[in-house]
Amino acid sequence: RIFGHKSGMDALKKVAVHGARRGIKVMTVYAFSTENWARPVD
């Protein structure tokens, strides 16, 4: 699963840069919720 999270980080860079270039003023990304603490420690 951690491989997916690492690849997701690369996707965020692409999407954020493109959004900025399109003229979006704010992009709020849900990176970690209060409920996500229930996931495996690693």
PDB file of all heavy atoms in Angstrom:
ATOM      1  N   ARG A   1       0.816  -1.212   0.000  1.00  0.00           N
ATOM      2  CA  ARG A   1       0.000   0.000   0.000  1.00  0.00           C
ATOM      3  C   ARG A   1       0.854   1.269   0.000  1.00  0.00           C
ATOM      4  O   ARG A   1       0.484   2.278  -0.608  1.00  0.00           O
ATOM      5  CB  ARG A   1      -0.922   0.001   1.220  1.00  0.00           C
ATOM      6  CG  ARG A   1      -2.047  -1.020   1.145  1.00  0.00           C
ATOM      7  CD  ARG A   1      -2.858  -1.048   2.435  1.00  0.00           C
ATOM      8  NE  ARG A   1      -3.429   0.259   2.742  1.00  0.00           N
ATOM      9  CZ  ARG A   1      -4.587   0.720   2.240  1.00  0.00           C
ATOM     10  NH1 ARG A   1      -5.288  -0.039   1.394  1.00  0.00           N
ATOM     11  NH2 ARG A   1      -5.042   1.900   2.569  1.00  0.00           N
ATOM     12  N   ILE A   2       2.004   1.208   0.668  1.00  0.00           N
ATOM     13  CA  ILE A   2       2.826   2.416   0.743  1.00  0.00           C
ATOM     14  C   ILE A   2       3.328   2.838  -0.636  1.00  0.00           C
ATOM     15  O   ILE A   2       3.579   4.024  -0.871  1.00  0.00           O
ATOM     16  CB  ILE A   2       4.014   2.242   1.712  1.00  0.00           C
ATOM     17  CG1 ILE A   2       4.917   1.085   1.281  1.00  0.00           C
ATOM     18  CG2 ILE A   2       3.522   2.038   3.136  1.00  0.00           C
ATOM     19  CD1 ILE A   2       6.202   0.987   2.098  1.00  0.00           C
ATOM     20  N   PHE A   3       3.452   1.889  -1.551  1.00  0.00           N
ATOM     21  CA  PHE A   3       3.847   2.235  -2.917  1.00  0.00           C
ATOM     22  C   PHE A   3       2.787   3.128  -3.558  1.00  0.00           C
ATOM     23  O   PHE A   3       3.101   4.063  -4.300  1.00  0.00           O
ATOM     24  CB  PHE A   3       4.054   0.969  -3.747  1.00  0.00           C
ATOM     25  CG  PHE A   3       4.453   1.237  -5.173  1.00  0.00           C
ATOM     26  CD1 PHE A   3       5.762   1.584  -5.484  1.00  0.00           C
ATOM     27  CD2 PHE A   3       3.521   1.148  -6.196  1.00  0.00           C
ATOM     28  CE1 PHE A   3       6.126   1.849  -6.805  1.00  0.00           C
ATOM     29  CE2 PHE A   3       3.883   1.412  -7.511  1.00  0.00           C
ATOM     30  CZ  PHE A   3       5.192   1.759  -7.821  1.00  0.00           C
ATOM     31  N   GLY A   4       1.524   2.849  -3.239  1.00  0.00           N
ATOM     32  CA  GLY A   4       0.434   3.675  -3.756  1.00  0.00           C
ATOM     33  C   GLY A   4       0.471   5.085  -3.202  1.00  0.00           C
ATOM     34  O   GLY A   4       0.218   6.059  -3.915  1.00  0.00           O
ATOM     35  N   HIS A   5       0.794   5.207  -1.906  1.00  0.00           N
ATOM     36  CA  HIS A   5       0.874   6.534  -1.293  1.00  0.00           C
ATOM     37  C   HIS A   5       2.027   7.343  -1.901  1.00  0.00           C
ATOM     38  O   HIS A   5       1.893   8.551  -2.118  1.00  0.00           O
ATOM     39  CB  HIS A   5       1.060   6.401   0.213  1.00  0.00           C
ATOM     40  CG  HIS A   5      -0.129   5.814   0.916  1.00  0.00           C
ATOM     41  ND1 HIS A   5      -1.396   6.347   0.781  1.00  0.00           N
ATOM     42  CD2 HIS A   5      -0.244   4.754   1.750  1.00  0.00           C
ATOM     43  CE1 HIS A   5      -2.245   5.632   1.511  1.00  0.00           C
ATOM     44  NE2 HIS A   5      -1.567   4.656   2.106  1.00  0.00           N
ATOM     45  N   LYS A   6       3.134   6.687  -2.182  1.00  0.00           N
ATOM     46  CA  LYS A   6       4.270   7.383  -2.796  1.00  0.00           C
ATOM     47  C   LYS A   6       3.907   7.848  -4.200  1.00  0.00           C
ATOM     48  O   LYS A   6       4.220   8.981  -4.592  1.00  0.00           O
ATOM     49  CB  LYS A   6       5.489   6.462  -2.847  1.00  0.00           C
ATOM     50  CG  LYS A   6       6.744   7.142  -3.364  1.00  0.00           C
ATOM     51  CD  LYS A   6       7.929   6.201  -3.339  1.00  0.00           C
ATOM     52  CE  LYS A   6       9.213   6.930  -3.769  1.00  0.00           C
ATOM     53  NZ  LYS A   6       9.084   7.529  -5.102  1.00  0.00           N
ATOM     54  N   SER A   7       3.234   7.006  -4.956  1.00  0.00           N
ATOM     55  CA  SER A   7       2.811   7.390  -6.305  1.00  0.00           C
ATOM     56  C   SER A   7       1.770   8.498  -6.245  1.00  0.00           C
ATOM     57  O   SER A   7       1.719   9.365  -7.121  1.00  0.00           O
ATOM     58  CB  SER A   7       2.251   6.166  -7.044  1.00  0.00           C
ATOM     59  OG  SER A   7       3.249   5.171  -7.198  1.00  0.00           O
ATOM     60  N   GLY A   8       0.944   8.471  -5.196  1.00  0.00           N
ATOM     61  CA  GLY A   8      -0.054   9.525  -5.014  1.00  0.00           C
ATOM     62  C   GLY A   8       0.596  10.877  -4.773  1.00  0.00           C
ATOM     63  O   GLY A   8       0.057  11.917  -5.179  1.00  0.00           O
ATOM     64  N   MET A   9       1.757  10.876  -4.117  1.00  0.00           N
ATOM     65  CA  MET A   9       2.487  12.113  -3.886  1.00  0.00           C
ATOM     66  C   MET A   9       2.928  12.725  -5.217  1.00  0.00           C
ATOM     67  O   MET A   9       2.839  13.940  -5.432  1.00  0.00           O
ATOM     68  CB  MET A   9       3.706  11.830  -3.003  1.00  0.00           C
ATOM     69  CG  MET A   9       4.557  13.049  -2.692  1.00  0.00           C
ATOM     70  SD  MET A   9       6.032  12.631  -1.713  1.00  0.00           S
ATOM     71  CE  MET A   9       7.051  11.834  -2.980  1.00  0.00           C
ATOM     72  N   ASP A  10       3.383  11.887  -6.127  1.00  0.00           N
ATOM     73  CA  ASP A  10       3.795  12.376  -7.439  1.00  0.00           C
ATOM     74  C   ASP A  10       2.593  12.913  -8.227  1.00  0.00           C
ATOM     75  O   ASP A  10       2.704  13.919  -8.946  1.00  0.00           O
ATOM     76  CB  ASP A  10       4.474  11.255  -8.225  1.00  0.00           C
ATOM     77  CG  ASP A  10       5.767  10.786  -7.563  1.00  0.00           C
ATOM     78  OD1 ASP A  10       6.411  11.613  -6.894  1.00  0.00           O
ATOM     79  OD2 ASP A  10       6.113   9.607  -7.720  1.00  0.00           O
ATOM     80  N   ALA A  11       1.443  12.250  -8.070  1.00  0.00           N
ATOM     81  CA  ALA A  11       0.229  12.727  -8.739  1.00  0.00           C
ATOM     82  C   ALA A  11      -0.179  14.091  -8.216  1.00  0.00           C
ATOM     83  O   ALA A  11      -0.620  14.964  -8.974  1.00  0.00           O
ATOM     84  CB  ALA A  11      -0.906  11.715  -8.540  1.00  0.00           C
ATOM     85  N   LEU A  12      -0.016  14.296  -6.914  1.00  0.00           N
ATOM     86  CA  LEU A  12      -0.373  15.579  -6.314  1.00  0.00           C
ATOM     87  C   LEU A  12       0.445  16.712  -6.916  1.00  0.00           C
ATOM     88  O   LEU A  12      -0.085  17.792  -7.191  1.00  0.00           O
ATOM     89  CB  LEU A  12      -0.175  15.526  -4.804  1.00  0.00           C
ATOM     90  CG  LEU A  12      -0.403  16.844  -4.051  1.00  0.00           C
ATOM     91  CD1 LEU A  12      -1.802  17.383  -4.307  1.00  0.00           C
ATOM     92  CD2 LEU A  12      -0.168  16.656  -2.556  1.00  0.00           C
ATOM     93  N   LYS A  13       1.722  16.483  -7.106  1.00  0.00           N
ATOM     94  CA  LYS A  13       2.564  17.525  -7.699  1.00  0.00           C
ATOM     95  C   LYS A  13       2.029  17.913  -9.068  1.00  0.00           C
ATOM     96  O   LYS A  13       1.877  19.106  -9.388  1.00  0.00           O
ATOM     97  CB  LYS A  13       4.001  17.024  -7.768  1.00  0.00           C
ATOM     98  CG  LYS A  13       4.969  17.982  -8.448  1.00  0.00           C
ATOM     99  CD  LYS A  13       5.259  17.555  -9.870  1.00  0.00           C
ATOM    100  CE  LYS A  13       6.267  18.477 -10.566  1.00  0.00           C
ATOM    101  NZ  LYS A  13       6.524  18.051 -11.977  1.00  0.00           N
ATOM    102  N   LYS A  14       1.720  16.937  -9.913  1.00  0.00           N
ATOM    103  CA  LYS A  14       1.235  17.228 -11.261  1.00  0.00           C
ATOM    104  C   LYS A  14      -0.080  17.989 -11.234  1.00  0.00           C
ATOM    105  O   LYS A  14      -0.267  18.975 -11.961  1.00  0.00           O
ATOM    106  CB  LYS A  14       1.066  15.923 -12.054  1.00  0.00           C
ATOM    107  CG  LYS A  14       2.358  15.226 -12.426  1.00  0.00           C
ATOM    108  CD  LYS A  14       2.119  14.061 -13.363  1.00  0.00           C
ATOM    109  CE  LYS A  14       1.358  12.935 -12.697  1.00  0.00           C
ATOM    110  NZ  LYS A  14       1.219  11.746 -13.570  1.00  0.00           N
ATOM    111  N   VAL A  15      -1.007  17.521 -10.402  1.00  0.00           N
ATOM    112  CA  VAL A  15      -2.337  18.125 -10.346  1.00  0.00           C
ATOM    113  C   VAL A  15      -2.270  19.537  -9.760  1.00  0.00           C
ATOM    114  O   VAL A  15      -2.935  20.455 -10.248  1.00  0.00           O
ATOM    115  CB  VAL A  15      -3.298  17.233  -9.529  1.00  0.00           C
ATOM    116  CG1 VAL A  15      -4.620  17.942  -9.268  1.00  0.00           C
ATOM    117  CG2 VAL A  15      -3.541  15.916 -10.270  1.00  0.00           C
ATOM    118  N   ALA A  16      -1.455  19.717  -8.726  1.00  0.00           N
ATOM    119  CA  ALA A  16      -1.344  21.038  -8.106  1.00  0.00           C
ATOM    120  C   ALA A  16      -0.752  22.053  -9.079  1.00  0.00           C
ATOM    121  O   ALA A  16      -1.259  23.172  -9.209  1.00  0.00           O
ATOM    122  CB  ALA A  16      -0.491  20.953  -6.844  1.00  0.00           C
ATOM    123  N   VAL A  17       0.301  21.681  -9.762  1.00  0.00           N
ATOM    124  CA  VAL A  17       0.928  22.595 -10.717  1.00  0.00           C
ATOM    125  C   VAL A  17      -0.046  22.944 -11.836  1.00  0.00           C
ATOM    126  O   VAL A  17      -0.179  24.113 -12.224  1.00  0.00           O
ATOM    127  CB  VAL A  17       2.218  21.971 -11.293  1.00  0.00           C
ATOM    128  CG1 VAL A  17       2.709  22.771 -12.500  1.00  0.00           C
ATOM    129  CG2 VAL A  17       3.300  21.921 -10.224  1.00  0.00           C
ATOM    130  N   HIS A  18      -0.761  21.944 -12.344  1.00  0.00           N
ATOM    131  CA  HIS A  18      -1.717  22.197 -13.422  1.00  0.00           C
ATOM    132  C   HIS A  18      -2.863  23.083 -12.931  1.00  0.00           C
ATOM    133  O   HIS A  18      -3.289  23.992 -13.651  1.00  0.00           O
ATOM    134  CB  HIS A  18      -2.266  20.877 -13.958  1.00  0.00           C
ATOM    135  CG  HIS A  18      -3.102  21.028 -15.192  1.00  0.00           C
ATOM    136  ND1 HIS A  18      -2.609  21.544 -16.367  1.00  0.00           N
ATOM    137  CD2 HIS A  18      -4.424  20.748 -15.425  1.00  0.00           C
ATOM    138  CE1 HIS A  18      -3.578  21.566 -17.275  1.00  0.00           C
ATOM    139  NE2 HIS A  18      -4.674  21.095 -16.730  1.00  0.00           N
ATOM    140  N   GLY A  19      -3.334  22.823 -11.712  1.00  0.00           N
ATOM    141  CA  GLY A  19      -4.397  23.651 -11.155  1.00  0.00           C
ATOM    142  C   GLY A  19      -3.962  25.099 -11.010  1.00  0.00           C
ATOM    143  O   GLY A  19      -4.721  26.034 -11.319  1.00  0.00           O
ATOM    144  N   ALA A  20      -2.727  25.290 -10.559  1.00  0.00           N
ATOM    145  CA  ALA A  20      -2.200  26.653 -10.409  1.00  0.00           C
ATOM    146  C   ALA A  20      -2.116  27.342 -11.760  1.00  0.00           C
ATOM    147  O   ALA A  20      -2.468  28.523 -11.895  1.00  0.00           O
ATOM    148  CB  ALA A  20      -0.828  26.604  -9.744  1.00  0.00           C
ATOM    149  N   ARG A  21      -1.680  26.617 -12.752  1.00  0.00           N
ATOM    150  CA  ARG A  21      -1.565  27.201 -14.100  1.00  0.00           C
ATOM    151  C   ARG A  21      -2.929  27.495 -14.714  1.00  0.00           C
ATOM    152  O   ARG A  21      -3.061  28.449 -15.491  1.00  0.00           O
ATOM    153  CB  ARG A  21      -0.760  26.260 -15.001  1.00  0.00           C
ATOM    154  CG  ARG A  21       0.714  26.172 -14.612  1.00  0.00           C
ATOM    155  CD  ARG A  21       1.465  25.171 -15.475  1.00  0.00           C
ATOM    156  NE  ARG A  21       2.890  25.147 -15.130  1.00  0.00           N
ATOM    157  CZ  ARG A  21       3.771  24.312 -15.681  1.00  0.00           C
ATOM    158  NH1 ARG A  21       3.378  23.439 -16.608  1.00  0.00           N
ATOM    159  NH2 ARG A  21       5.035  24.352 -15.308  1.00  0.00           N
ATOM    160  N   ARG A  22      -3.923  26.714 -14.371  1.00  0.00           N
ATOM    161  CA  ARG A  22      -5.280  26.961 -14.870  1.00  0.00           C
ATOM    162  C   ARG A  22      -5.905  28.198 -14.224  1.00  0.00           C
ATOM    163  O   ARG A  22      -6.854  28.763 -14.747  1.00  0.00           O
ATOM    164  CB  ARG A  22      -6.180  25.752 -14.586  1.00  0.00           C
ATOM    165  CG  ARG A  22      -6.017  24.555 -15.511  1.00  0.00           C
ATOM    166  CD  ARG A  22      -6.466  24.814 -16.943  1.00  0.00           C
ATOM    167  NE  ARG A  22      -7.801  25.363 -17.054  1.00  0.00           N
ATOM    168  CZ  ARG A  22      -8.919  24.665 -17.281  1.00  0.00           C
ATOM    169  NH1 ARG A  22      -8.835  23.351 -17.392  1.00  0.00           N
ATOM    170  NH2 ARG A  22     -10.084  25.242 -17.416  1.00  0.00           N
ATOM    171  N   GLY A  23      -5.401  28.591 -13.050  1.00  0.00           N
ATOM    172  CA  GLY A  23      -5.942  29.770 -12.387  1.00  0.00           C
ATOM    173  C   GLY A  23      -6.772  29.474 -11.158  1.00  0.00           C
ATOM    174  O   GLY A  23      -7.420  30.370 -10.612  1.00  0.00           O
ATOM    175  N   ILE A  24      -6.750  28.217 -10.685  1.00  0.00           N
ATOM    176  CA  ILE A  24      -7.423  27.892  -9.424  1.00  0.00           C
ATOM    177  C   ILE A  24      -6.721  28.645  -8.297  1.00  0.00           C
ATOM    178  O   ILE A  24      -5.497  28.734  -8.270  1.00  0.00           O
ATOM    179  CB  ILE A  24      -7.392  26.364  -9.179  1.00  0.00           C
ATOM    180  CG1 ILE A  24      -8.269  25.655 -10.210  1.00  0.00           C
ATOM    181  CG2 ILE A  24      -7.846  26.021  -7.759  1.00  0.00           C
ATOM    182  CD1 ILE A  24      -8.113  24.153 -10.208  1.00  0.00           C
ATOM    183  N   LYS A  25      -7.488  29.193  -7.374  1.00  0.00           N
ATOM    184  CA  LYS A  25      -6.900  30.019  -6.323  1.00  0.00           C
ATOM    185  C   LYS A  25      -6.558  29.236  -5.057  1.00  0.00           C
ATOM    186  O   LYS A  25      -5.597  29.570  -4.365  1.00  0.00           O
ATOM    187  CB  LYS A  25      -7.844  31.174  -5.986  1.00  0.00           C
ATOM    188  CG  LYS A  25      -8.021  32.146  -7.147  1.00  0.00           C
ATOM    189  CD  LYS A  25      -8.949  33.288  -6.790  1.00  0.00           C
ATOM    190  CE  LYS A  25      -9.096  34.255  -7.966  1.00  0.00           C
ATOM    191  NZ  LYS A  25     -10.038  35.363  -7.650  1.00  0.00           N
ATOM    192  N   VAL A  26      -7.360  28.213  -4.753  1.00  0.00           N
ATOM    193  CA  VAL A  26      -7.100  27.370  -3.580  1.00  0.00           C
ATOM    194  C   VAL A  26      -7.358  25.914  -3.959  1.00  0.00           C
ATOM    195  O   VAL A  26      -8.370  25.607  -4.608  1.00  0.00           O
ATOM    196  CB  VAL A  26      -8.000  27.730  -2.377  1.00  0.00           C
ATOM    197  CG1 VAL A  26      -7.726  26.784  -1.201  1.00  0.00           C
ATOM    198  CG2 VAL A  26      -7.792  29.177  -1.946  1.00  0.00           C
ATOM    199  N   MET A  27      -6.462  25.034  -3.574  1.00  0.00           N
ATOM    200  CA  MET A  27      -6.690  23.601  -3.709  1.00  0.00           C
ATOM    201  C   MET A  27      -6.446  22.974  -2.333  1.00  0.00           C
ATOM    202  O   MET A  27      -5.322  22.984  -1.830  1.00  0.00           O
ATOM    203  CB  MET A  27      -5.767  22.977  -4.757  1.00  0.00           C
ATOM    204  CG  MET A  27      -6.025  21.486  -4.972  1.00  0.00           C
ATOM    205  SD  MET A  27      -4.992  20.767  -6.312  1.00  0.00           S
ATOM    206  CE  MET A  27      -5.731  21.525  -7.768  1.00  0.00           C
ATOM    207  N   THR A  28      -7.518  22.475  -1.719  1.00  0.00           N
ATOM    208  CA  THR A  28      -7.405  21.821  -0.415  1.00  0.00           C
ATOM    209  C   THR A  28      -7.428  20.320  -0.620  1.00  0.00           C
ATOM    210  O   THR A  28      -8.391  19.773  -1.165  1.00  0.00           O
ATOM    211  CB  THR A  28      -8.555  22.239   0.523  1.00  0.00           C
ATOM    212  OG1 THR A  28      -8.480  23.645   0.767  1.00  0.00           O
ATOM    213  CG2 THR A  28      -8.461  21.509   1.860  1.00  0.00           C
ATOM    214  N   VAL A  29      -6.368  19.651  -0.219  1.00  0.00           N
ATOM    215  CA  VAL A  29      -6.253  18.206  -0.440  1.00  0.00           C
ATOM    216  C   VAL A  29      -6.346  17.472   0.893  1.00  0.00           C
ATOM    217  O   VAL A  29      -5.716  17.851   1.872  1.00  0.00           O
ATOM    218  CB  VAL A  29      -4.948  17.864  -1.175  1.00  0.00           C
ATOM    219  CG1 VAL A  29      -4.962  18.445  -2.581  1.00  0.00           C
ATOM    220  CG2 VAL A  29      -3.715  18.353  -0.433  1.00  0.00           C
ATOM    221  N   TYR A  30      -7.152  16.428   0.894  1.00  0.00           N
ATOM    222  CA  TYR A  30      -7.390  15.636   2.102  1.00  0.00           C
ATOM    223  C   TYR A  30      -6.255  14.631   2.232  1.00  0.00           C
ATOM    224  O   TYR A  30      -6.295  13.542   1.662  1.00  0.00           O
ATOM    225  CB  TYR A  30      -8.725  14.920   1.964  1.00  0.00           C
ATOM    226  CG  TYR A  30      -9.452  14.608   3.250  1.00  0.00           C
ATOM    227  CD1 TYR A  30      -9.056  15.104   4.480  1.00  0.00           C
ATOM    228  CD2 TYR A  30     -10.598  13.810   3.224  1.00  0.00           C
ATOM    229  CE1 TYR A  30      -9.757  14.825   5.640  1.00  0.00           C
ATOM    230  CE2 TYR A  30     -11.315  13.526   4.374  1.00  0.00           C
ATOM    231  CZ  TYR A  30     -10.889  14.034   5.575  1.00  0.00           C
ATOM    232  OH  TYR A  30     -11.595  13.750   6.727  1.00  0.00           O
ATOM    233  N   ALA A  31      -5.223  14.998   2.979  1.00  0.00           N
ATOM    234  CA  ALA A  31      -4.018  14.182   3.061  1.00  0.00           C
ATOM    235  C   ALA A  31      -4.080  13.133   4.165  1.00  0.00           C
ATOM    236  O   ALA A  31      -3.516  12.046   4.031  1.00  0.00           O
ATOM    237  CB  ALA A  31      -2.799  15.082   3.267  1.00  0.00           C
ATOM    238  N   PHE A  32      -4.758  13.471   5.277  1.00  0.00           N
ATOM    239  CA  PHE A  32      -4.838  12.529   6.405  1.00  0.00           C
ATOM    240  C   PHE A  32      -5.992  12.977   7.300  1.00  0.00           C
ATOM    241  O   PHE A  32      -6.004  14.103   7.793  1.00  0.00           O
ATOM    242  CB  PHE A  32      -3.529  12.536   7.205  1.00  0.00           C
ATOM    243  CG  PHE A  32      -3.420  11.421   8.207  1.00  0.00           C
ATOM    244  CD1 PHE A  32      -2.975  10.170   7.845  1.00  0.00           C
ATOM    245  CD2 PHE A  32      -3.768  11.629   9.540  1.00  0.00           C
ATOM    246  CE1 PHE A  32      -2.867   9.136   8.769  1.00  0.00           C
ATOM    247  CE2 PHE A  32      -3.670  10.609  10.476  1.00  0.00           C
ATOM    248  CZ  PHE A  32      -3.217   9.356  10.087  1.00  0.00           C
ATOM    249  N   SER A  33      -6.965  12.101   7.492  1.00  0.00           N
ATOM    250  CA  SER A  33      -8.132  12.439   8.302  1.00  0.00           C
ATOM    251  C   SER A  33      -7.935  12.021   9.754  1.00  0.00           C
ATOM    252  O   SER A  33      -7.041  11.223  10.078  1.00  0.00           O
ATOM    253  CB  SER A  33      -9.386  11.753   7.748  1.00  0.00           C
ATOM    254  OG  SER A  33      -9.379  10.371   8.067  1.00  0.00           O
ATOM    255  N   THR A  34      -8.769  12.536  10.634  1.00  0.00           N
ATOM    256  CA  THR A  34      -8.701  12.146  12.046  1.00  0.00           C
ATOM    257  C   THR A  34      -8.997  10.664  12.210  1.00  0.00           C
ATOM    258  O   THR A  34      -8.559  10.047  13.194  1.00  0.00           O
ATOM    259  CB  THR A  34      -9.698  12.971  12.879  1.00  0.00           C
ATOM    260  OG1 THR A  34     -10.993  12.913  12.260  1.00  0.00           O
ATOM    261  CG2 THR A  34      -9.266  14.425  12.976  1.00  0.00           C
ATOM    262  N   GLU A  35      -9.712  10.087  11.252  1.00  0.00           N
ATOM    263  CA  GLU A  35     -10.041   8.656  11.320  1.00  0.00           C
ATOM    264  C   GLU A  35      -8.905   7.770  10.813  1.00  0.00           C
ATOM    265  O   GLU A  35      -8.878   6.557  11.081  1.00  0.00           O
ATOM    266  CB  GLU A  35     -11.315   8.370  10.503  1.00  0.00           C
ATOM    267  CG  GLU A  35     -12.599   8.954  11.092  1.00  0.00           C
ATOM    268  CD  GLU A  35     -12.729  10.449  10.836  1.00  0.00           C
ATOM    269  OE1 GLU A  35     -12.139  10.945   9.847  1.00  0.00           O
ATOM    270  OE2 GLU A  35     -13.416  11.133  11.627  1.00  0.00           O
ATOM    271  N   ASN A  36      -7.982   8.351  10.065  1.00  0.00           N
ATOM    272  CA  ASN A  36      -6.909   7.548   9.472  1.00  0.00           C
ATOM    273  C   ASN A  36      -5.916   6.999  10.485  1.00  0.00           C
ATOM    274  O   ASN A  36      -5.103   6.129  10.157  1.00  0.00           O
ATOM    275  CB  ASN A  36      -6.144   8.362   8.420  1.00  0.00           C
ATOM    276  CG  ASN A  36      -6.900   8.549   7.127  1.00  0.00           C
ATOM    277  OD1 ASN A  36      -6.650   9.499   6.381  1.00  0.00           O
ATOM    278  ND2 ASN A  36      -7.860   7.673   6.844  1.00  0.00           N
ATOM    279  N   TRP A  37      -5.971   7.492  11.723  1.00  0.00           N
ATOM    280  CA  TRP A  37      -5.093   6.949  12.763  1.00  0.00           C
ATOM    281  C   TRP A  37      -5.392   5.469  13.018  1.00  0.00           C
ATOM    282  O   TRP A  37      -4.556   4.752  13.586  1.00  0.00           O
ATOM    283  CB  TRP A  37      -5.246   7.726  14.065  1.00  0.00           C
ATOM    284  CG  TRP A  37      -4.741   9.133  13.996  1.00  0.00           C
ATOM    285  CD1 TRP A  37      -5.486  10.277  13.965  1.00  0.00           C
ATOM    286  CD2 TRP A  37      -3.373   9.565  13.952  1.00  0.00           C
ATOM    287  NE1 TRP A  37      -4.686  11.379  13.896  1.00  0.00           N
ATOM    288  CE2 TRP A  37      -3.373  10.979  13.892  1.00  0.00           C
ATOM    289  CE3 TRP A  37      -2.150   8.889  13.955  1.00  0.00           C
ATOM    290  CZ2 TRP A  37      -2.196  11.730  13.836  1.00  0.00           C
ATOM    291  CZ3 TRP A  37      -0.970   9.636  13.891  1.00  0.00           C
ATOM    292  CH2 TRP A  37      -1.003  11.037  13.837  1.00  0.00           C
ATOM    293  N   ALA A  38      -6.574   5.008  12.601  1.00  0.00           N
ATOM    294  CA  ALA A  38      -6.952   3.609  12.819  1.00  0.00           C
ATOM    295  C   ALA A  38      -6.262   2.656  11.838  1.00  0.00           C
ATOM    296  O   ALA A  38      -6.385   1.436  11.961  1.00  0.00           O
ATOM    297  CB  ALA A  38      -8.468   3.458  12.702  1.00  0.00           C
ATOM    298  N   ARG A  39      -5.543   3.191  10.882  1.00  0.00           N
ATOM    299  CA  ARG A  39      -4.836   2.344   9.911  1.00  0.00           C
ATOM    300  C   ARG A  39      -3.606   1.696  10.575  1.00  0.00           C
ATOM    301  O   ARG A  39      -3.187   2.114  11.642  1.00  0.00           O
ATOM    302  CB  ARG A  39      -4.422   3.181   8.701  1.00  0.00           C
ATOM    303  CG  ARG A  39      -5.614   3.666   7.890  1.00  0.00           C
ATOM    304  CD  ARG A  39      -5.182   4.314   6.603  1.00  0.00           C
ATOM    305  NE  ARG A  39      -6.329   4.694   5.794  1.00  0.00           N
ATOM    306  CZ  ARG A  39      -6.254   5.126   4.536  1.00  0.00           C
ATOM    307  NH1 ARG A  39      -5.065   5.213   3.945  1.00  0.00           N
ATOM    308  NH2 ARG A  39      -7.345   5.453   3.872  1.00  0.00           N
ATOM    309  N   PRO A  40      -3.023   0.690   9.918  1.00  0.00           N
ATOM    310  CA  PRO A  40      -1.829   0.042  10.475  1.00  0.00           C
ATOM    311  C   PRO A  40      -0.732   1.061  10.793  1.00  0.00           C
ATOM    312  O   PRO A  40      -0.541   2.028  10.053  1.00  0.00           O
ATOM    313  CB  PRO A  40      -1.402  -0.919   9.360  1.00  0.00           C
ATOM    314  CG  PRO A  40      -2.671  -1.224   8.626  1.00  0.00           C
ATOM    315  CD  PRO A  40      -3.472   0.047   8.665  1.00  0.00           C
ATOM    316  N   VAL A  41      -0.038   0.828  11.887  1.00  0.00           N
ATOM    317  CA  VAL A  41       0.971   1.772  12.374  1.00  0.00           C
ATOM    318  C   VAL A  41       2.023   2.088  11.318  1.00  0.00           C
ATOM    319  O   VAL A  41       2.385   3.260  11.116  1.00  0.00           O
ATOM    320  CB  VAL A  41       1.660   1.214  13.650  1.00  0.00           C
ATOM    321  CG1 VAL A  41       2.822   2.110  14.065  1.00  0.00           C
ATOM    322  CG2 VAL A  41       0.647   1.100  14.785  1.00  0.00           C
ATOM    323  N   ASP A  42       2.515   1.083  10.621  1.00  0.00           N
ATOM    324  CA  ASP A  42       3.556   1.301   9.615  1.00  0.00           C
ATOM    325  C   ASP A  42       3.052   2.190   8.470  1.00  0.00           C
ATOM    326  O   ASP A  42       3.799   3.025   7.946  1.00  0.00           O
ATOM    327  CB  ASP A  42       4.050  -0.036   9.053  1.00  0.00           C
ATOM    328  CG  ASP A  42       4.898  -0.802  10.055  1.00  0.00           C
ATOM    329  OD1 ASP A  42       5.338  -0.184  11.048  1.00  0.00           O
ATOM    330  OD2 ASP A  42       5.108  -2.012   9.861  1.00  0.00           O
TER     331      ASP A  42
END
